[in-house]
């Protein structure tokens, strides 16, 4: 069984679940899951974890994301993007780039954002989008997110192209909606491409055609990135067979010199991640808190 991360360029029109299902079908790998949902409208970086790397998906999801987004001002839709039905249309004010920059300033930094009703957020175990499709009135609770960078790429009325660098959990559809409201004419997300997810970038992503071709000639495993790339900022702890056994049984291992980071991962002699670790200052040891099954 293969363990690692596939950096895929998601095709437009596919759900993230579709991509994972097709990866399973193509590769024959049973354990697969994505790290960070992209809407069907969106393209770009979608990380698919394989084998034991599925246990590391939460760390990939937590990294900051970068997007190239196109906002269509003057129209609102049921879903907040171009896939929904238009609910209102208003004239777009004669805005300059300077006007837009002044508006965008309010969206930079930590802000409170209300996720769209058509989202995968669950209430009482049911995704909001299912309730919305049934005609129920739903409203997701607001959340605090951070937009690190928000820059105008092009203004071609009524379309505004933006580059966005943001924290995990940010909805670009909500940003498009709120930006339209602030301008006074409404807006929705017309196009979206995730250009980076943490250290994984679009220029290094594998197209679906390339993956299919590699599978056909039995070379697809060469496209899989090692699992430890999900653990930026963790201390790497190389262990011998004895300490690997201790960790797999939930026992700690000695570390007399304090490590550079108090979160770590144990790497076996064969290069497999054995467990995720926390450093215990009092005991001067590494303690396992998530043990990965050997593939």
Protein backbone atom coordinates (compact mmCIF):
# COMPACT_ATOMS: atom_id res chain seq x y z
CA UNK A 1 0.00 0.00 0.00
CA UNK A 2 1.31 3.46 -0.91
CA UNK A 3 1.58 6.20 1.71
CA UNK A 4 1.99 9.80 0.62
CA UNK A 5 0.45 12.93 -0.84
CA UNK A 6 -0.73 13.57 -4.40
CA UNK A 7 -0.75 17.24 -5.36
CA UNK A 8 -3.46 17.27 -8.03
CA UNK A 9 -4.77 20.07 -10.24
CA UNK A 10 -8.50 19.53 -9.76
CA UNK A 11 -10.56 19.70 -12.96
CA UNK A 12 -13.46 22.17 -13.05
CA UNK A 13 -16.86 20.57 -12.53
CA UNK A 14 -15.61 17.77 -10.26
CA UNK A 15 -16.33 17.67 -6.55
CA UNK A 16 -13.42 16.91 -4.24
CA UNK A 17 -15.17 13.62 -3.46
CA UNK A 18 -15.24 12.82 -7.20
CA UNK A 19 -11.47 13.29 -7.37
CA UNK A 20 -10.83 10.96 -4.43
CA UNK A 21 -13.16 8.32 -5.88
CA UNK A 22 -11.38 8.47 -9.23
CA UNK A 23 -7.96 8.25 -7.57
CA UNK A 24 -9.09 5.10 -5.78
CA UNK A 25 -10.43 3.65 -9.02
CA UNK A 26 -7.32 4.46 -11.05
CA UNK A 27 -4.65 3.48 -8.54
CA UNK A 28 -6.39 0.68 -6.66
CA UNK A 29 -5.51 2.37 -3.35
CA UNK A 30 -8.35 1.88 -0.86
CA UNK A 31 -7.25 4.43 1.72
CA UNK A 32 -7.50 7.87 0.17
CA UNK A 33 -8.93 11.21 1.25
CA UNK A 34 -8.56 14.87 0.37
CA UNK A 35 -7.14 17.59 2.61
CA UNK A 36 -9.22 20.72 2.04
CA UNK A 37 -12.41 20.81 -0.03
CA UNK A 38 -12.66 22.67 -3.33
CA UNK A 39 -16.09 23.48 -4.77
CA UNK A 40 -16.96 21.99 -8.19
CA UNK A 41 -16.49 25.44 -9.78
CA UNK A 42 -12.89 25.64 -8.56
CA UNK A 43 -9.70 24.28 -10.04
CA UNK A 44 -6.16 24.04 -8.69
CA UNK A 45 -4.34 22.43 -5.82
CA UNK A 46 -6.23 19.56 -4.21
CA UNK A 47 -4.14 17.37 -1.92
CA UNK A 48 -5.11 13.70 -1.85
CA UNK A 49 -3.61 11.66 0.97
CA UNK A 50 -2.94 7.96 0.45
CA UNK A 51 -2.48 5.13 2.93
CA UNK A 52 -1.12 6.12 6.34
CA UNK A 53 -0.87 9.74 5.14
CA UNK A 54 -4.66 10.01 5.53
CA UNK A 55 -3.95 10.31 9.28
CA UNK A 56 -2.05 13.54 8.52
CA UNK A 57 -4.74 15.29 6.48
CA UNK A 58 -5.68 17.63 9.35
CA UNK A 59 -2.20 19.20 9.29
CA UNK A 60 -2.43 19.87 5.56
CA UNK A 61 -5.91 21.36 6.03
CA UNK A 62 -4.63 23.76 8.68
CA UNK A 63 -2.08 25.47 6.42
CA UNK A 64 -2.71 28.82 4.73
CA UNK A 65 -4.16 28.83 1.22
CA UNK A 66 -3.60 31.02 -1.85
CA UNK A 67 -6.24 31.67 -4.52
CA UNK A 68 -6.76 33.51 -7.79
CA UNK A 69 -10.41 34.57 -7.66
CA UNK A 70 -12.69 36.37 -10.09
CA UNK A 71 -15.65 38.23 -8.55
CA UNK A 72 -18.61 39.19 -10.70
CA UNK A 73 -20.03 42.40 -9.24
CA UNK A 74 -23.65 43.41 -9.79
CA UNK A 75 -25.22 39.97 -9.37
CA UNK A 76 -25.98 37.77 -6.36
CA UNK A 77 -26.77 34.06 -6.61
CA UNK A 78 -28.33 31.37 -4.43
CA UNK A 79 -24.99 29.64 -3.86
CA UNK A 80 -22.65 32.63 -3.86
CA UNK A 81 -20.97 31.44 -7.04
CA UNK A 82 -21.70 31.05 -10.75
CA UNK A 83 -23.34 27.66 -10.23
CA UNK A 84 -26.34 29.18 -8.45
CA UNK A 85 -29.39 30.97 -9.78
CA UNK A 86 -29.26 34.75 -9.97
CA UNK A 87 -31.32 36.25 -7.16
CA UNK A 88 -30.68 39.96 -7.78
CA UNK A 89 -28.99 42.20 -10.35
CA UNK A 90 -27.96 45.80 -9.76
CA UNK A 91 -25.84 48.33 -11.68
CA UNK A 92 -22.15 48.35 -10.83
CA UNK A 93 -20.92 51.76 -9.63
CA UNK A 94 -18.18 53.49 -11.70
CA UNK A 95 -15.38 52.17 -9.52
CA UNK A 96 -11.68 52.83 -9.99
CA UNK A 97 -8.89 50.53 -8.79
CA UNK A 98 -8.22 53.09 -6.05
CA UNK A 99 -11.87 52.82 -4.95
CA UNK A 100 -11.59 49.05 -4.84
CA UNK A 101 -8.33 49.14 -2.89
CA UNK A 102 -10.03 51.29 -0.27
CA UNK A 103 -12.85 48.74 0.03
CA UNK A 104 -10.47 45.78 0.17
CA UNK A 105 -8.58 47.28 3.10
CA UNK A 106 -11.50 46.37 5.37
CA UNK A 107 -11.13 42.70 4.49
CA UNK A 108 -7.42 42.33 5.27
CA UNK A 109 -6.28 40.85 8.57
CA UNK A 110 -8.46 38.96 11.09
CA UNK A 111 -12.13 39.33 10.18
CA UNK A 112 -15.41 37.66 11.09
CA UNK A 113 -16.89 35.81 8.13
CA UNK A 114 -20.24 34.08 7.69
CA UNK A 115 -19.87 30.90 5.61
CA UNK A 116 -22.33 30.46 2.73
CA UNK A 117 -25.56 28.56 3.30
CA UNK A 118 -24.57 26.17 0.52
CA UNK A 119 -21.55 24.73 2.33
CA UNK A 120 -20.43 21.41 3.74
CA UNK A 121 -20.55 22.69 7.32
CA UNK A 122 -22.73 20.36 9.37
CA UNK A 123 -25.51 21.25 11.78
CA UNK A 124 -26.98 18.35 13.73
CA UNK A 125 -24.97 16.05 11.49
CA UNK A 126 -26.49 17.36 8.23
CA UNK A 127 -24.46 19.45 5.73
CA UNK A 128 -25.94 22.93 5.29
CA UNK A 129 -26.11 22.58 1.52
CA UNK A 130 -28.55 19.67 1.86
CA UNK A 131 -30.85 21.74 4.05
CA UNK A 132 -30.59 24.68 1.66
CA UNK A 133 -31.46 22.46 -1.29
CA UNK A 134 -34.57 21.32 0.59
CA UNK A 135 -35.65 24.93 0.83
CA UNK A 136 -34.88 25.32 4.52
CA UNK A 137 -33.66 28.69 5.74
CA UNK A 138 -30.16 28.09 7.05
CA UNK A 139 -27.43 30.35 8.32
CA UNK A 140 -23.98 29.16 9.25
CA UNK A 141 -22.49 30.57 12.45
CA UNK A 142 -19.84 33.25 11.82
CA UNK A 143 -16.19 32.39 12.27
CA UNK A 144 -12.97 34.37 12.61
CA UNK A 145 -10.56 33.91 9.72
CA UNK A 146 -7.48 35.82 8.57
CA UNK A 147 -6.81 37.27 5.14
CA UNK A 148 -3.06 37.87 4.96
CA UNK A 149 -2.99 39.32 1.46
CA UNK A 150 -5.74 40.63 -0.82
CA UNK A 151 -4.59 42.28 -4.03
CA UNK A 152 -6.22 43.47 -7.23
CA UNK A 153 -4.88 41.63 -10.28
CA UNK A 154 -7.26 43.16 -12.83
CA UNK A 155 -10.44 45.27 -12.91
CA UNK A 156 -12.49 44.60 -16.01
CA UNK A 157 -15.99 45.79 -15.02
CA UNK A 158 -18.02 43.96 -13.86
CA UNK A 159 -15.28 41.39 -13.18
CA UNK A 160 -12.67 41.89 -10.46
CA UNK A 161 -9.72 39.50 -10.35
CA UNK A 162 -8.01 39.10 -6.98
CA UNK A 163 -5.11 37.25 -5.43
CA UNK A 164 -5.96 36.04 -1.92
CA UNK A 165 -3.72 34.53 0.76
CA UNK A 166 -5.81 33.38 3.71
CA UNK A 167 -6.11 31.08 6.68
CA UNK A 168 -7.70 27.69 6.61
CA UNK A 169 -11.49 27.86 6.82
CA UNK A 170 -11.86 30.96 4.65
CA UNK A 171 -14.70 30.89 2.11
CA UNK A 172 -13.85 32.85 -1.02
CA UNK A 173 -17.55 32.73 -1.97
CA UNK A 174 -18.30 34.61 1.24
CA UNK A 175 -15.55 37.10 0.47
CA UNK A 176 -17.10 37.73 -2.97
CA UNK A 177 -20.56 38.14 -1.41
CA UNK A 178 -19.36 40.51 1.31
CA UNK A 179 -17.27 42.54 -1.11
CA UNK A 180 -20.31 42.99 -3.34
CA UNK A 181 -22.39 44.12 -0.38
CA UNK A 182 -19.73 46.61 0.70
CA UNK A 183 -19.59 48.09 -2.82
CA UNK A 184 -23.39 48.30 -2.86
CA UNK A 185 -24.28 46.22 -5.90
CA UNK A 186 -23.87 42.63 -4.73
CA UNK A 187 -21.51 40.07 -6.17
CA UNK A 188 -20.70 36.40 -6.56
CA UNK A 189 -17.68 34.24 -7.23
CA UNK A 190 -17.34 33.69 -10.98
CA UNK A 191 -14.12 31.67 -11.04
CA UNK A 192 -11.62 30.27 -8.54
CA UNK A 193 -8.24 28.56 -8.69
CA UNK A 194 -6.31 27.45 -5.61
CA UNK A 195 -2.72 28.26 -6.47
CA UNK A 196 -1.15 26.99 -3.24
CA UNK A 197 -1.99 24.96 -0.16
CA UNK A 198 0.80 25.34 2.35
CA UNK A 199 4.04 24.33 0.67
CA UNK A 200 2.23 22.64 -2.25
CA UNK A 201 1.94 24.87 -5.32
CA UNK A 202 -0.02 24.82 -8.56
CA UNK A 203 3.08 24.84 -10.76
CA UNK A 204 4.03 21.46 -9.24
CA UNK A 205 0.54 19.97 -9.33
CA UNK A 206 -0.22 16.88 -11.42
CA UNK A 207 -2.93 17.18 -14.04
CA UNK A 208 -5.56 14.48 -14.24
CA UNK A 209 -4.31 13.50 -17.71
CA UNK A 210 -0.75 13.11 -16.43
CA UNK A 211 -1.89 10.94 -13.51
CA UNK A 212 -3.96 8.70 -15.82
CA UNK A 213 -1.00 8.33 -18.21
CA UNK A 214 1.35 7.48 -15.35
CA UNK A 215 -1.07 4.85 -14.03
CA UNK A 216 -1.31 3.30 -17.51
CA UNK A 217 2.45 2.68 -17.61
CA UNK A 218 2.78 1.77 -13.93
CA UNK A 219 4.75 4.89 -12.95
CA UNK A 220 2.20 6.85 -10.89
CA UNK A 221 3.88 6.19 -7.55
CA UNK A 222 6.68 8.49 -8.66
CA UNK A 223 4.18 11.36 -8.47
CA UNK A 224 3.42 10.74 -4.78
CA UNK A 225 5.11 13.10 -2.31
CA UNK A 226 6.39 11.74 1.05
CA UNK A 227 4.01 12.00 4.02
CA UNK A 228 6.39 14.06 6.17
CA UNK A 229 5.76 17.07 3.90
CA UNK A 230 2.46 17.42 5.75
CA UNK A 231 4.36 18.16 8.95
CA UNK A 232 6.05 21.51 8.43
CA UNK A 233 7.46 22.81 11.70
CA UNK A 234 7.66 19.37 13.32
CA UNK A 235 10.95 17.94 14.62
CA UNK A 236 12.05 14.81 12.78
CA UNK A 237 13.14 12.05 15.19
CA UNK A 238 14.86 9.06 13.59
CA UNK A 239 14.29 5.88 15.59
CA UNK A 240 15.79 2.41 15.60
CA UNK A 241 13.76 -0.78 15.75
CA UNK A 242 13.72 -0.81 19.55
CA UNK A 243 12.36 2.70 19.92
CA UNK A 244 9.94 2.14 17.06
CA UNK A 245 8.49 -0.75 19.02
CA UNK A 246 8.17 1.37 22.16
CA UNK A 247 6.32 4.11 20.29
CA UNK A 248 3.98 1.65 18.60
CA UNK A 249 3.00 0.39 22.06
CA UNK A 250 2.32 3.92 23.33
CA UNK A 251 5.53 4.22 25.35
CA UNK A 252 7.78 7.27 25.39
CA UNK A 253 11.40 7.45 24.26
CA UNK A 254 14.21 9.41 25.85
CA UNK A 255 15.33 12.80 24.51
CA UNK A 256 17.71 14.54 26.93
CA UNK A 257 18.36 17.60 24.75
CA UNK A 258 15.26 19.80 24.22
CA UNK A 259 14.24 19.72 20.53
CA UNK A 260 13.83 22.78 18.25
CA UNK A 261 10.05 22.18 18.15
CA UNK A 262 7.94 20.45 20.79
CA UNK A 263 5.87 18.64 18.18
CA UNK A 264 7.66 15.93 16.27
CA UNK A 265 7.34 12.79 14.21
CA UNK A 266 9.24 9.54 14.48
CA UNK A 267 10.81 8.23 11.29
CA UNK A 268 11.76 4.56 11.06
CA UNK A 269 14.94 3.25 9.46
CA UNK A 270 12.87 2.38 6.37
CA UNK A 271 11.63 5.97 6.08
CA UNK A 272 8.08 5.42 7.37
CA UNK A 273 6.39 7.75 9.84
CA UNK A 274 5.82 5.72 12.99
CA UNK A 275 4.04 8.23 15.20
CA UNK A 276 3.42 11.89 15.93
CA UNK A 277 5.11 13.05 19.12
CA UNK A 278 4.95 15.70 21.83
CA UNK A 279 7.98 16.58 23.90
CA UNK A 280 7.56 16.15 27.66
CA UNK A 281 9.87 18.69 29.27
CA UNK A 282 9.66 17.20 32.78
CA UNK A 283 10.35 13.64 31.65
CA UNK A 284 12.78 14.78 28.91
CA UNK A 285 11.22 12.39 26.49
CA UNK A 286 9.05 12.15 23.40
CA UNK A 287 5.52 10.87 23.97
CA UNK A 288 3.47 9.46 21.07
CA UNK A 289 -0.03 10.91 20.63
CA UNK A 290 -0.92 9.48 17.23
CA UNK A 291 0.54 6.15 16.09
CA UNK A 292 0.35 5.39 12.38
CA UNK A 293 -0.33 1.82 11.34
CA UNK A 294 2.42 0.24 9.28
CA UNK A 295 1.31 -0.18 5.64
